[in-house]
C-alpha cells in the first residue's frame, strides 16, 4: 500500500530543495511532534548515496534511525530512495508562485496506514513552516 502526503510552499524551488536535502536544515524540521527531535542527519545526495536521520524523544525514552539509499536524484524535481524493503518518492512540483512537495511511500505493516499518513504529514507540514521561516 502506498501513502501520499503533500504540502504547498510559497518559496523558490531552489530554497525548498536545499532545505529538504541539507543536514543542518533536516535537524530543524524532521519531527512529527514537539516532544521529539532529530539529533543528527547525514546526506550523500547522489544515486547510491546514503542518508540517515536520528529521531529521538526529547525525554530520552525512545529513538530510532531512519536511513536508506538514494536510487534517483533529479535535481529540483524528484528524489527516490529505498529504505529497507520499502520505497519513497519526493516530488517538487512548481505550482504558480509556490511549489507542491509530495511524498509517496510504501506503508509498513506495524502501524495503521492512517497513523503513518498523519505522522508523515506532520513532518512535511513542519518542513513547510521551516522553509517559510527562512524567508
C-alpha atoms as a PDB file:
ATOM      1  CA  UNK A   1       0.000   0.000   0.000  1.00  0.00           C
ATOM      2  CA  UNK A   2       1.284   3.447  -0.936  1.00  0.00           C
ATOM      3  CA  UNK A   3       0.583   6.561   1.130  1.00  0.00           C
ATOM      4  CA  UNK A   4       0.908  10.120  -0.224  1.00  0.00           C
ATOM      5  CA  UNK A   5       1.248  13.370   1.723  1.00  0.00           C
ATOM      6  CA  UNK A   6       1.859  16.844   0.365  1.00  0.00           C
ATOM      7  CA  UNK A   7       2.262  20.491   1.238  1.00  0.00           C
ATOM      8  CA  UNK A   8       2.354  23.678  -0.821  1.00  0.00           C
ATOM      9  CA  UNK A   9       5.121  26.161  -0.043  1.00  0.00           C
ATOM     10  CA  UNK A  10       5.345  29.717  -1.378  1.00  0.00           C
ATOM     11  CA  UNK A  11       9.111  29.862  -1.802  1.00  0.00           C
ATOM     12  CA  UNK A  12      11.663  29.433  -4.587  1.00  0.00           C
ATOM     13  CA  UNK A  13      12.170  25.811  -5.584  1.00  0.00           C
ATOM     14  CA  UNK A  14      15.963  26.037  -5.059  1.00  0.00           C
ATOM     15  CA  UNK A  15      15.413  27.109  -1.439  1.00  0.00           C
ATOM     16  CA  UNK A  16      12.914  24.293  -0.865  1.00  0.00           C
ATOM     17  CA  UNK A  17      15.265  21.710  -2.398  1.00  0.00           C
ATOM     18  CA  UNK A  18      18.192  22.928  -0.288  1.00  0.00           C
ATOM     19  CA  UNK A  19      16.181  22.804   2.941  1.00  0.00           C
ATOM     20  CA  UNK A  20      14.986  19.282   2.131  1.00  0.00           C
ATOM     21  CA  UNK A  21      18.468  17.948   1.386  1.00  0.00           C
ATOM     22  CA  UNK A  22      20.788  19.767   3.827  1.00  0.00           C
ATOM     23  CA  UNK A  23      21.539  18.093   7.191  1.00  0.00           C
ATOM     24  CA  UNK A  24      21.610  21.400   9.109  1.00  0.00           C
ATOM     25  CA  UNK A  25      18.055  22.077   7.922  1.00  0.00           C
ATOM     26  CA  UNK A  26      16.824  18.499   8.337  1.00  0.00           C
ATOM     27  CA  UNK A  27      17.552  18.547  12.077  1.00  0.00           C
ATOM     28  CA  UNK A  28      15.362  21.675  12.311  1.00  0.00           C
ATOM     29  CA  UNK A  29      12.196  20.239  10.747  1.00  0.00           C
ATOM     30  CA  UNK A  30      12.334  16.432  10.785  1.00  0.00           C
ATOM     31  CA  UNK A  31       9.901  15.530  13.558  1.00  0.00           C
ATOM     32  CA  UNK A  32       6.178  14.877  13.817  1.00  0.00           C
ATOM     33  CA  UNK A  33       5.672  16.101  17.395  1.00  0.00           C
ATOM     34  CA  UNK A  34       7.083  18.809  19.684  1.00  0.00           C
ATOM     35  CA  UNK A  35       8.329  16.234  22.208  1.00  0.00           C
ATOM     36  CA  UNK A  36      10.617  14.641  19.559  1.00  0.00           C
ATOM     37  CA  UNK A  37      13.649  15.944  17.718  1.00  0.00           C
ATOM     38  CA  UNK A  38      16.209  14.893  15.136  1.00  0.00           C
ATOM     39  CA  UNK A  39      19.606  14.845  16.798  1.00  0.00           C
ATOM     40  CA  UNK A  40      21.681  14.237  13.665  1.00  0.00           C
ATOM     41  CA  UNK A  41      21.326  13.853   9.929  1.00  0.00           C
ATOM     42  CA  UNK A  42      23.615  12.930   7.068  1.00  0.00           C
ATOM     43  CA  UNK A  43      23.039  13.169   3.318  1.00  0.00           C
ATOM     44  CA  UNK A  44      25.112  11.861   0.414  1.00  0.00           C
ATOM     45  CA  UNK A  45      22.858  13.219  -2.326  1.00  0.00           C
ATOM     46  CA  UNK A  46      23.782  11.013  -5.264  1.00  0.00           C
ATOM     47  CA  UNK A  47      22.473   7.770  -6.718  1.00  0.00           C
ATOM     48  CA  UNK A  48      23.793   5.055  -4.408  1.00  0.00           C
ATOM     49  CA  UNK A  49      24.452   7.621  -1.673  1.00  0.00           C
ATOM     50  CA  UNK A  50      23.123   7.038   1.818  1.00  0.00           C
ATOM     51  CA  UNK A  51      21.052   9.219   4.115  1.00  0.00           C
ATOM     52  CA  UNK A  52      20.332   8.879   7.811  1.00  0.00           C
ATOM     53  CA  UNK A  53      18.406  10.786  10.452  1.00  0.00           C
ATOM     54  CA  UNK A  54      18.373  10.006  14.168  1.00  0.00           C
ATOM     55  CA  UNK A  55      14.956  10.762  15.681  1.00  0.00           C
ATOM     56  CA  UNK A  56      14.559  10.701  19.472  1.00  0.00           C
ATOM     57  CA  UNK A  57      12.009  11.528  22.122  1.00  0.00           C
ATOM     58  CA  UNK A  58      13.275  14.617  23.966  1.00  0.00           C
ATOM     59  CA  UNK A  59      12.940  12.785  27.291  1.00  0.00           C
ATOM     60  CA  UNK A  60      15.329  10.108  26.027  1.00  0.00           C
ATOM     61  CA  UNK A  61      12.769   7.311  26.334  1.00  0.00           C
ATOM     62  CA  UNK A  62      12.946   6.151  22.717  1.00  0.00           C
ATOM     63  CA  UNK A  63      14.765   6.782  19.455  1.00  0.00           C
ATOM     64  CA  UNK A  64      15.369   5.295  16.043  1.00  0.00           C
ATOM     65  CA  UNK A  65      17.374   5.797  12.876  1.00  0.00           C
ATOM     66  CA  UNK A  66      15.618   6.472   9.587  1.00  0.00           C
ATOM     67  CA  UNK A  67      18.046   5.588   6.822  1.00  0.00           C
ATOM     68  CA  UNK A  68      18.203   4.494   3.242  1.00  0.00           C
ATOM     69  CA  UNK A  69      19.874   4.752  -0.145  1.00  0.00           C
ATOM     70  CA  UNK A  70      19.083   7.199  -2.936  1.00  0.00           C
ATOM     71  CA  UNK A  71      18.032   5.492  -6.169  1.00  0.00           C
ATOM     72  CA  UNK A  72      17.069   8.541  -8.279  1.00  0.00           C
ATOM     73  CA  UNK A  73      18.213  12.158  -7.971  1.00  0.00           C
ATOM     74  CA  UNK A  74      16.660  14.599 -10.450  1.00  0.00           C
ATOM     75  CA  UNK A  75      17.719  17.995  -9.037  1.00  0.00           C
ATOM     76  CA  UNK A  76      14.882  20.371  -8.160  1.00  0.00           C
ATOM     77  CA  UNK A  77      12.337  17.766  -9.342  1.00  0.00           C
ATOM     78  CA  UNK A  78      12.486  14.319  -7.770  1.00  0.00           C
ATOM     79  CA  UNK A  79      14.230  12.154  -5.196  1.00  0.00           C
ATOM     80  CA  UNK A  80      13.639   8.413  -4.913  1.00  0.00           C
ATOM     81  CA  UNK A  81      15.077   6.220  -2.192  1.00  0.00           C
ATOM     82  CA  UNK A  82      14.924   2.745  -0.746  1.00  0.00           C
ATOM     83  CA  UNK A  83      14.624   2.270   2.995  1.00  0.00           C
ATOM     84  CA  UNK A  84      14.658  -1.377   3.943  1.00  0.00           C
ATOM     85  CA  UNK A  85      12.339  -3.153   1.526  1.00  0.00           C
ATOM     86  CA  UNK A  86      10.255  -0.001   1.060  1.00  0.00           C
ATOM     87  CA  UNK A  87      10.423   2.847  -1.472  1.00  0.00           C
ATOM     88  CA  UNK A  88       9.941   6.590  -1.014  1.00  0.00           C
ATOM     89  CA  UNK A  89       9.473   9.260  -3.694  1.00  0.00           C
ATOM     90  CA  UNK A  90       9.677  13.019  -3.133  1.00  0.00           C
ATOM     91  CA  UNK A  91       8.423  15.270  -5.919  1.00  0.00           C
ATOM     92  CA  UNK A  92       8.919  19.043  -6.135  1.00  0.00           C
ATOM     93  CA  UNK A  93       6.134  20.344  -8.378  1.00  0.00           C
ATOM     94  CA  UNK A  94       6.126  24.050  -9.355  1.00  0.00           C
ATOM     95  CA  UNK A  95       2.636  25.450  -8.903  1.00  0.00           C
ATOM     96  CA  UNK A  96       2.413  29.109  -9.889  1.00  0.00           C
ATOM     97  CA  UNK A  97       4.086  31.164  -7.149  1.00  0.00           C
ATOM     98  CA  UNK A  98       4.597  28.091  -4.972  1.00  0.00           C
ATOM     99  CA  UNK A  99       5.904  24.532  -5.031  1.00  0.00           C
ATOM    100  CA  UNK A 100       3.964  21.442  -4.025  1.00  0.00           C
ATOM    101  CA  UNK A 101       6.183  18.958  -2.230  1.00  0.00           C
ATOM    102  CA  UNK A 102       4.652  15.484  -2.461  1.00  0.00           C
ATOM    103  CA  UNK A 103       5.974  12.418  -0.661  1.00  0.00           C
ATOM    104  CA  UNK A 104       4.754   8.932  -1.555  1.00  0.00           C
ATOM    105  CA  UNK A 105       5.978   5.936   0.408  1.00  0.00           C
ATOM    106  CA  UNK A 106       5.266   2.271   0.943  1.00  0.00           C
ATOM    107  CA  UNK A 107       3.334   1.755   4.165  1.00  0.00           C
ATOM    108  CA  UNK A 108       4.768  -0.529   6.813  1.00  0.00           C
ATOM    109  CA  UNK A 109       2.837  -3.336   8.496  1.00  0.00           C
ATOM    110  CA  UNK A 110       3.412  -2.410  12.166  1.00  0.00           C
ATOM    111  CA  UNK A 111       1.240   0.711  12.326  1.00  0.00           C
ATOM    112  CA  UNK A 112      -2.154   1.569  10.815  1.00  0.00           C
ATOM    113  CA  UNK A 113      -1.929   3.407   7.477  1.00  0.00           C
ATOM    114  CA  UNK A 114      -3.801   6.447   8.798  1.00  0.00           C
ATOM    115  CA  UNK A 115      -1.350   6.808  11.695  1.00  0.00           C
ATOM    116  CA  UNK A 116       1.549   6.647   9.226  1.00  0.00           C
ATOM    117  CA  UNK A 117      -0.100   9.217   6.953  1.00  0.00           C
ATOM    118  CA  UNK A 118      -0.670  11.582   9.881  1.00  0.00           C
ATOM    119  CA  UNK A 119       2.927  11.279  11.085  1.00  0.00           C
ATOM    120  CA  UNK A 120       4.487  11.844   7.676  1.00  0.00           C
ATOM    121  CA  UNK A 121       2.069  14.734   7.002  1.00  0.00           C
ATOM    122  CA  UNK A 122       3.034  16.356  10.314  1.00  0.00           C
ATOM    123  CA  UNK A 123       6.714  16.140   9.363  1.00  0.00           C
ATOM    124  CA  UNK A 124       6.032  17.612   5.922  1.00  0.00           C
ATOM    125  CA  UNK A 125       3.971  20.427   7.471  1.00  0.00           C
ATOM    126  CA  UNK A 126       6.916  21.233   9.764  1.00  0.00           C
ATOM    127  CA  UNK A 127       9.155  21.235   6.725  1.00  0.00           C
ATOM    128  CA  UNK A 128       6.907  23.824   5.060  1.00  0.00           C
ATOM    129  CA  UNK A 129       6.945  26.024   8.168  1.00  0.00           C
ATOM    130  CA  UNK A 130      10.726  25.714   8.367  1.00  0.00           C
ATOM    131  CA  UNK A 131      11.172  26.851   4.754  1.00  0.00           C
ATOM    132  CA  UNK A 132       8.832  29.797   5.320  1.00  0.00           C
ATOM    133  CA  UNK A 133      10.826  30.815   8.413  1.00  0.00           C
ATOM    134  CA  UNK A 134      13.952  31.135   6.249  1.00  0.00           C
ATOM    135  CA  UNK A 135      12.462  33.981   4.181  1.00  0.00           C
END
